[in-house]
Amino acid sequence: MKKILRISIGILLFIGLQSANAASLESTQKIFDEARGICKIYLKKCEPHLVISNQWQAVTHKEKDIYITSDLVKALTEDELRAVIYHEVGHAVLRHTTREANWLMSVSANKSYTKEAHYNLRRTHEYEADRFASYTLKFTRRPNHLPEALFKIVPPEYWNVEFPTHPSVIDRVHKIKIIIDKGGI
């Protein structure tokens, strides 16, 4: 009985420590408002949405809707959440969905489509969204915690894996750190 009680108290302490650093609902709403403001600067309308889910995901849909899951919000600090949301804003502002659709129509017309070229385009979009988030954070004088968020979101065994839609976390973080280490914008 004592053993079970100690384990339960340990789990409760861990949960308490984890949620103490997590972004609050208020800070999440504030970051969503910031994201809307950034989109307006670029004459884009984007709308962040919180989706109740136990998965860890953040996605941009049709260059205007940004979805982030509740469990991802709970896992990230306020600064990490801001970096992830700004990354998604980058996809919207840089029109990645439209650019990918135009590219697909072009290569279809030329009959030059290859999976590898498509994967390269998608990975390029990830680098661009990382760069957008990094420079936006720098311009707004906010700390860039995108590297920490990426290391948190992706399990360690996949940090060096390049996916069809995403470059490896190690490579992305290396490029982000170059931006962070450069002075100014």
C-alpha atoms as a PDB file:
ATOM      1  CA  MET A   1       0.000   0.000   0.000  1.00  0.00           C
ATOM      2  CA  LYS A   2       2.795   2.459   0.856  1.00  0.00           C
ATOM      3  CA  LYS A   3       4.556   1.660  -2.429  1.00  0.00           C
ATOM      4  CA  ILE A   4       1.462   2.485  -4.486  1.00  0.00           C
ATOM      5  CA  LEU A   5       0.962   5.714  -2.556  1.00  0.00           C
ATOM      6  CA  ARG A   6       4.563   6.821  -3.227  1.00  0.00           C
ATOM      7  CA  ILE A   7       4.200   6.098  -6.948  1.00  0.00           C
ATOM      8  CA  SER A   8       0.926   8.024  -7.114  1.00  0.00           C
ATOM      9  CA  ILE A   9       2.423  11.034  -5.332  1.00  0.00           C
ATOM     10  CA  GLY A  10       5.432  10.906  -7.705  1.00  0.00           C
ATOM     11  CA  ILE A  11       3.149  10.905 -10.736  1.00  0.00           C
ATOM     12  CA  LEU A  12       1.114  13.791  -9.311  1.00  0.00           C
ATOM     13  CA  LEU A  13       4.293  15.795  -8.647  1.00  0.00           C
ATOM     14  CA  PHE A  14       5.500  15.132 -12.199  1.00  0.00           C
ATOM     15  CA  ILE A  15       2.172  16.208 -13.694  1.00  0.00           C
ATOM     16  CA  GLY A  16       2.243  19.328 -11.539  1.00  0.00           C
ATOM     17  CA  LEU A  17       5.762  20.234 -12.662  1.00  0.00           C
ATOM     18  CA  GLN A  18       4.910  19.608 -16.292  1.00  0.00           C
ATOM     19  CA  SER A  19       1.771  21.739 -16.307  1.00  0.00           C
ATOM     20  CA  ALA A  20       3.468  24.554 -14.351  1.00  0.00           C
ATOM     21  CA  ASN A  21       5.741  25.241 -17.358  1.00  0.00           C
ATOM     22  CA  ALA A  22       3.072  24.671 -19.997  1.00  0.00           C
ATOM     23  CA  ALA A  23       1.429  27.510 -21.856  1.00  0.00           C
ATOM     24  CA  SER A  24      -1.759  28.634 -20.114  1.00  0.00           C
ATOM     25  CA  LEU A  25      -5.076  29.103 -21.848  1.00  0.00           C
ATOM     26  CA  GLU A  26      -4.629  32.881 -21.499  1.00  0.00           C
ATOM     27  CA  SER A  27      -1.155  32.830 -23.046  1.00  0.00           C
ATOM     28  CA  THR A  28      -2.385  30.530 -25.816  1.00  0.00           C
ATOM     29  CA  GLN A  29      -5.149  33.014 -26.661  1.00  0.00           C
ATOM     30  CA  LYS A  30      -2.609  35.856 -26.610  1.00  0.00           C
ATOM     31  CA  ILE A  31      -0.343  33.956 -29.018  1.00  0.00           C
ATOM     32  CA  PHE A  32      -3.338  33.235 -31.283  1.00  0.00           C
ATOM     33  CA  ASP A  33      -4.065  36.999 -31.334  1.00  0.00           C
ATOM     34  CA  GLU A  34      -0.406  37.703 -32.188  1.00  0.00           C
ATOM     35  CA  ALA A  35      -0.627  35.180 -35.046  1.00  0.00           C
ATOM     36  CA  ARG A  36      -3.705  36.924 -36.451  1.00  0.00           C
ATOM     37  CA  GLY A  37      -1.841  40.241 -36.266  1.00  0.00           C
ATOM     38  CA  ILE A  38       1.200  38.871 -38.100  1.00  0.00           C
ATOM     39  CA  CYS A  39      -1.046  37.504 -40.838  1.00  0.00           C
ATOM     40  CA  LYS A  40      -2.708  40.920 -41.210  1.00  0.00           C
ATOM     41  CA  ILE A  41       0.686  42.547 -41.752  1.00  0.00           C
ATOM     42  CA  TYR A  42       1.062  40.279 -44.793  1.00  0.00           C
ATOM     43  CA  LEU A  43      -2.552  40.931 -45.894  1.00  0.00           C
ATOM     44  CA  LYS A  44      -3.511  37.369 -45.006  1.00  0.00           C
ATOM     45  CA  LYS A  45      -6.359  36.228 -42.855  1.00  0.00           C
ATOM     46  CA  CYS A  46      -5.463  33.275 -40.709  1.00  0.00           C
ATOM     47  CA  GLU A  47      -7.329  31.779 -37.807  1.00  0.00           C
ATOM     48  CA  PRO A  48      -5.677  29.598 -35.155  1.00  0.00           C
ATOM     49  CA  HIS A  49      -7.848  26.859 -33.647  1.00  0.00           C
ATOM     50  CA  LEU A  50      -7.324  24.733 -30.555  1.00  0.00           C
ATOM     51  CA  VAL A  51      -8.363  21.127 -31.204  1.00  0.00           C
ATOM     52  CA  ILE A  52      -9.020  18.852 -28.238  1.00  0.00           C
ATOM     53  CA  SER A  53      -6.820  15.833 -28.902  1.00  0.00           C
ATOM     54  CA  ASN A  54      -4.260  13.643 -27.195  1.00  0.00           C
ATOM     55  CA  GLN A  55      -2.043  13.825 -30.297  1.00  0.00           C
ATOM     56  CA  TRP A  56       0.779  16.326 -30.711  1.00  0.00           C
ATOM     57  CA  GLN A  57       0.126  18.175 -33.953  1.00  0.00           C
ATOM     58  CA  ALA A  58       0.212  21.652 -35.445  1.00  0.00           C
ATOM     59  CA  VAL A  59      -0.883  22.096 -39.062  1.00  0.00           C
ATOM     60  CA  THR A  60      -1.920  24.826 -41.460  1.00  0.00           C
ATOM     61  CA  HIS A  61      -4.885  24.081 -43.701  1.00  0.00           C
ATOM     62  CA  LYS A  62      -5.647  26.007 -46.890  1.00  0.00           C
ATOM     63  CA  GLU A  63      -3.295  28.826 -45.884  1.00  0.00           C
ATOM     64  CA  LYS A  64      -5.715  30.260 -43.350  1.00  0.00           C
ATOM     65  CA  ASP A  65      -6.668  27.775 -40.656  1.00  0.00           C
ATOM     66  CA  ILE A  66      -3.990  26.846 -38.149  1.00  0.00           C
ATOM     67  CA  TYR A  67      -4.825  23.873 -35.948  1.00  0.00           C
ATOM     68  CA  ILE A  68      -2.922  22.961 -32.807  1.00  0.00           C
ATOM     69  CA  THR A  69      -3.894  20.136 -30.508  1.00  0.00           C
ATOM     70  CA  SER A  70      -4.590  20.614 -26.819  1.00  0.00           C
ATOM     71  CA  ASP A  71      -2.027  18.043 -25.703  1.00  0.00           C
ATOM     72  CA  LEU A  72       0.703  19.752 -27.736  1.00  0.00           C
ATOM     73  CA  VAL A  73      -0.203  23.061 -26.073  1.00  0.00           C
ATOM     74  CA  LYS A  74       0.041  21.341 -22.672  1.00  0.00           C
ATOM     75  CA  ALA A  75       3.478  19.953 -23.561  1.00  0.00           C
ATOM     76  CA  LEU A  76       5.026  23.249 -24.676  1.00  0.00           C
ATOM     77  CA  THR A  77       6.102  26.328 -22.786  1.00  0.00           C
ATOM     78  CA  GLU A  78       4.655  29.672 -23.856  1.00  0.00           C
ATOM     79  CA  ASP A  79       7.806  30.529 -25.863  1.00  0.00           C
ATOM     80  CA  GLU A  80       7.867  27.113 -27.549  1.00  0.00           C
ATOM     81  CA  LEU A  81       4.170  27.398 -28.420  1.00  0.00           C
ATOM     82  CA  ARG A  82       4.721  30.857 -29.892  1.00  0.00           C
ATOM     83  CA  ALA A  83       7.545  29.516 -32.075  1.00  0.00           C
ATOM     84  CA  VAL A  84       5.414  26.613 -33.330  1.00  0.00           C
ATOM     85  CA  ILE A  85       2.446  28.884 -34.084  1.00  0.00           C
ATOM     86  CA  TYR A  86       4.705  31.383 -35.898  1.00  0.00           C
ATOM     87  CA  HIS A  87       6.081  28.467 -37.937  1.00  0.00           C
ATOM     88  CA  GLU A  88       2.517  27.599 -38.976  1.00  0.00           C
ATOM     89  CA  VAL A  89       1.826  31.274 -39.754  1.00  0.00           C
ATOM     90  CA  GLY A  90       4.862  31.067 -42.039  1.00  0.00           C
ATOM     91  CA  HIS A  91       3.176  28.304 -44.047  1.00  0.00           C
ATOM     92  CA  ALA A  92       0.084  30.509 -44.434  1.00  0.00           C
ATOM     93  CA  VAL A  93       1.885  33.760 -45.258  1.00  0.00           C
ATOM     94  CA  LEU A  94       4.304  32.088 -47.678  1.00  0.00           C
ATOM     95  CA  ARG A  95       1.354  30.444 -49.466  1.00  0.00           C
ATOM     96  CA  HIS A  96       2.811  26.948 -49.326  1.00  0.00           C
ATOM     97  CA  THR A  97      -0.456  25.206 -50.235  1.00  0.00           C
ATOM     98  CA  THR A  98      -0.899  27.353 -53.342  1.00  0.00           C
ATOM     99  CA  ARG A  99       2.750  27.035 -54.316  1.00  0.00           C
ATOM    100  CA  GLU A 100       2.618  23.256 -53.975  1.00  0.00           C
ATOM    101  CA  ALA A 101      -0.602  23.075 -56.039  1.00  0.00           C
ATOM    102  CA  ASN A 102       0.933  25.266 -58.766  1.00  0.00           C
ATOM    103  CA  TRP A 103       4.073  23.137 -58.780  1.00  0.00           C
ATOM    104  CA  LEU A 104       1.993  19.957 -59.073  1.00  0.00           C
ATOM    105  CA  MET A 105       0.033  21.377 -62.024  1.00  0.00           C
ATOM    106  CA  SER A 106       3.253  22.438 -63.720  1.00  0.00           C
ATOM    107  CA  VAL A 107       5.028  19.108 -63.356  1.00  0.00           C
ATOM    108  CA  SER A 108       1.855  17.224 -64.321  1.00  0.00           C
ATOM    109  CA  ALA A 109       1.579  19.249 -67.520  1.00  0.00           C
ATOM    110  CA  ASN A 110       5.239  18.525 -68.297  1.00  0.00           C
ATOM    111  CA  LYS A 111       4.961  14.909 -67.153  1.00  0.00           C
ATOM    112  CA  SER A 112       8.038  15.494 -65.017  1.00  0.00           C
ATOM    113  CA  TYR A 113       6.672  14.574 -61.587  1.00  0.00           C
ATOM    114  CA  THR A 114       8.893  12.591 -59.248  1.00  0.00           C
ATOM    115  CA  LYS A 115       8.207  11.733 -55.628  1.00  0.00           C
ATOM    116  CA  GLU A 116      11.675  12.881 -54.621  1.00  0.00           C
ATOM    117  CA  ALA A 117      11.161  16.321 -56.209  1.00  0.00           C
ATOM    118  CA  HIS A 118       7.804  16.582 -54.411  1.00  0.00           C
ATOM    119  CA  TYR A 119       9.404  15.601 -51.094  1.00  0.00           C
ATOM    120  CA  ASN A 120      12.175  18.171 -51.657  1.00  0.00           C
ATOM    121  CA  LEU A 121       9.567  20.885 -52.214  1.00  0.00           C
ATOM    122  CA  ARG A 122       7.781  19.994 -48.980  1.00  0.00           C
ATOM    123  CA  ARG A 123      11.027  19.925 -47.001  1.00  0.00           C
ATOM    124  CA  THR A 124      11.951  23.304 -48.515  1.00  0.00           C
ATOM    125  CA  HIS A 125       8.617  24.655 -47.269  1.00  0.00           C
ATOM    126  CA  GLU A 126       9.494  23.469 -43.752  1.00  0.00           C
ATOM    127  CA  TYR A 127      12.832  25.289 -43.871  1.00  0.00           C
ATOM    128  CA  GLU A 128      11.058  28.414 -45.132  1.00  0.00           C
ATOM    129  CA  ALA A 129       8.468  28.271 -42.324  1.00  0.00           C
ATOM    130  CA  ASP A 130      11.284  27.772 -39.780  1.00  0.00           C
ATOM    131  CA  ARG A 131      13.086  30.803 -41.218  1.00  0.00           C
ATOM    132  CA  PHE A 132       9.866  32.867 -41.185  1.00  0.00           C
ATOM    133  CA  ALA A 133       9.239  31.981 -37.522  1.00  0.00           C
ATOM    134  CA  SER A 134      12.851  32.668 -36.565  1.00  0.00           C
ATOM    135  CA  TYR A 135      12.989  36.105 -38.196  1.00  0.00           C
ATOM    136  CA  THR A 136       9.530  37.042 -36.894  1.00  0.00           C
ATOM    137  CA  LEU A 137      10.571  36.099 -33.362  1.00  0.00           C
ATOM    138  CA  LYS A 138      13.787  38.095 -33.784  1.00  0.00           C
ATOM    139  CA  PHE A 139      11.934  41.113 -35.197  1.00  0.00           C
ATOM    140  CA  THR A 140       9.411  41.067 -32.325  1.00  0.00           C
ATOM    141  CA  ARG A 141      12.278  40.662 -29.831  1.00  0.00           C
ATOM    142  CA  ARG A 142      10.986  37.319 -28.598  1.00  0.00           C
ATOM    143  CA  PRO A 143      13.223  34.381 -27.712  1.00  0.00           C
ATOM    144  CA  ASN A 144      13.393  31.659 -30.351  1.00  0.00           C
ATOM    145  CA  HIS A 145      12.447  28.369 -28.736  1.00  0.00           C
ATOM    146  CA  LEU A 146      11.635  26.550 -31.964  1.00  0.00           C
ATOM    147  CA  PRO A 147      14.652  24.229 -31.532  1.00  0.00           C
ATOM    148  CA  GLU A 148      13.470  23.214 -28.055  1.00  0.00           C
ATOM    149  CA  ALA A 149       9.925  22.682 -29.346  1.00  0.00           C
ATOM    150  CA  LEU A 150      11.146  20.482 -32.210  1.00  0.00           C
ATOM    151  CA  PHE A 151      13.240  18.365 -29.839  1.00  0.00           C
ATOM    152  CA  LYS A 152      10.185  17.999 -27.594  1.00  0.00           C
ATOM    153  CA  ILE A 153       7.729  17.156 -30.388  1.00  0.00           C
ATOM    154  CA  VAL A 154       9.873  14.624 -32.252  1.00  0.00           C
ATOM    155  CA  PRO A 155      11.031  11.526 -30.323  1.00  0.00           C
ATOM    156  CA  PRO A 156      14.859  11.324 -29.982  1.00  0.00           C
ATOM    157  CA  GLU A 157      15.131   8.224 -32.146  1.00  0.00           C
ATOM    158  CA  TYR A 158      13.840  10.300 -35.099  1.00  0.00           C
ATOM    159  CA  TRP A 159      15.965  13.443 -34.649  1.00  0.00           C
ATOM    160  CA  ASN A 160      18.314  12.391 -37.488  1.00  0.00           C
ATOM    161  CA  VAL A 161      15.590  11.006 -39.775  1.00  0.00           C
ATOM    162  CA  GLU A 162      14.603  12.912 -42.908  1.00  0.00           C
ATOM    163  CA  PHE A 163      10.923  12.374 -43.655  1.00  0.00           C
ATOM    164  CA  PRO A 164       9.179  12.871 -47.006  1.00  0.00           C
ATOM    165  CA  THR A 165       7.477  16.015 -45.683  1.00  0.00           C
ATOM    166  CA  HIS A 166      10.007  17.238 -43.107  1.00  0.00           C
ATOM    167  CA  PRO A 167      13.804  17.533 -42.896  1.00  0.00           C
ATOM    168  CA  SER A 168      15.548  16.003 -39.908  1.00  0.00           C
ATOM    169  CA  VAL A 169      15.208  17.875 -36.630  1.00  0.00           C
ATOM    170  CA  ILE A 170      19.004  18.045 -36.321  1.00  0.00           C
ATOM    171  CA  ASP A 171      19.311  19.760 -39.717  1.00  0.00           C
ATOM    172  CA  ARG A 172      16.418  22.146 -39.021  1.00  0.00           C
ATOM    173  CA  VAL A 173      17.816  23.126 -35.624  1.00  0.00           C
ATOM    174  CA  HIS A 174      21.263  23.710 -37.150  1.00  0.00           C
ATOM    175  CA  LYS A 175      19.767  26.158 -39.688  1.00  0.00           C
ATOM    176  CA  ILE A 176      17.631  27.869 -37.021  1.00  0.00           C
ATOM    177  CA  LYS A 177      20.670  28.301 -34.746  1.00  0.00           C
ATOM    178  CA  ILE A 178      22.498  30.085 -37.582  1.00  0.00           C
ATOM    179  CA  ILE A 179      19.653  32.622 -37.713  1.00  0.00           C
ATOM    180  CA  ILE A 180      19.598  32.961 -33.910  1.00  0.00           C
ATOM    181  CA  ASP A 181      23.357  33.483 -33.760  1.00  0.00           C
ATOM    182  CA  LYS A 182      23.363  36.148 -36.472  1.00  0.00           C
ATOM    183  CA  GLY A 183      22.955  39.618 -35.008  1.00  0.00           C
ATOM    184  CA  GLY A 184      20.008  41.674 -36.215  1.00  0.00           C
ATOM    185  CA  ILE A 185      17.556  40.712 -38.902  1.00  0.00           C
END
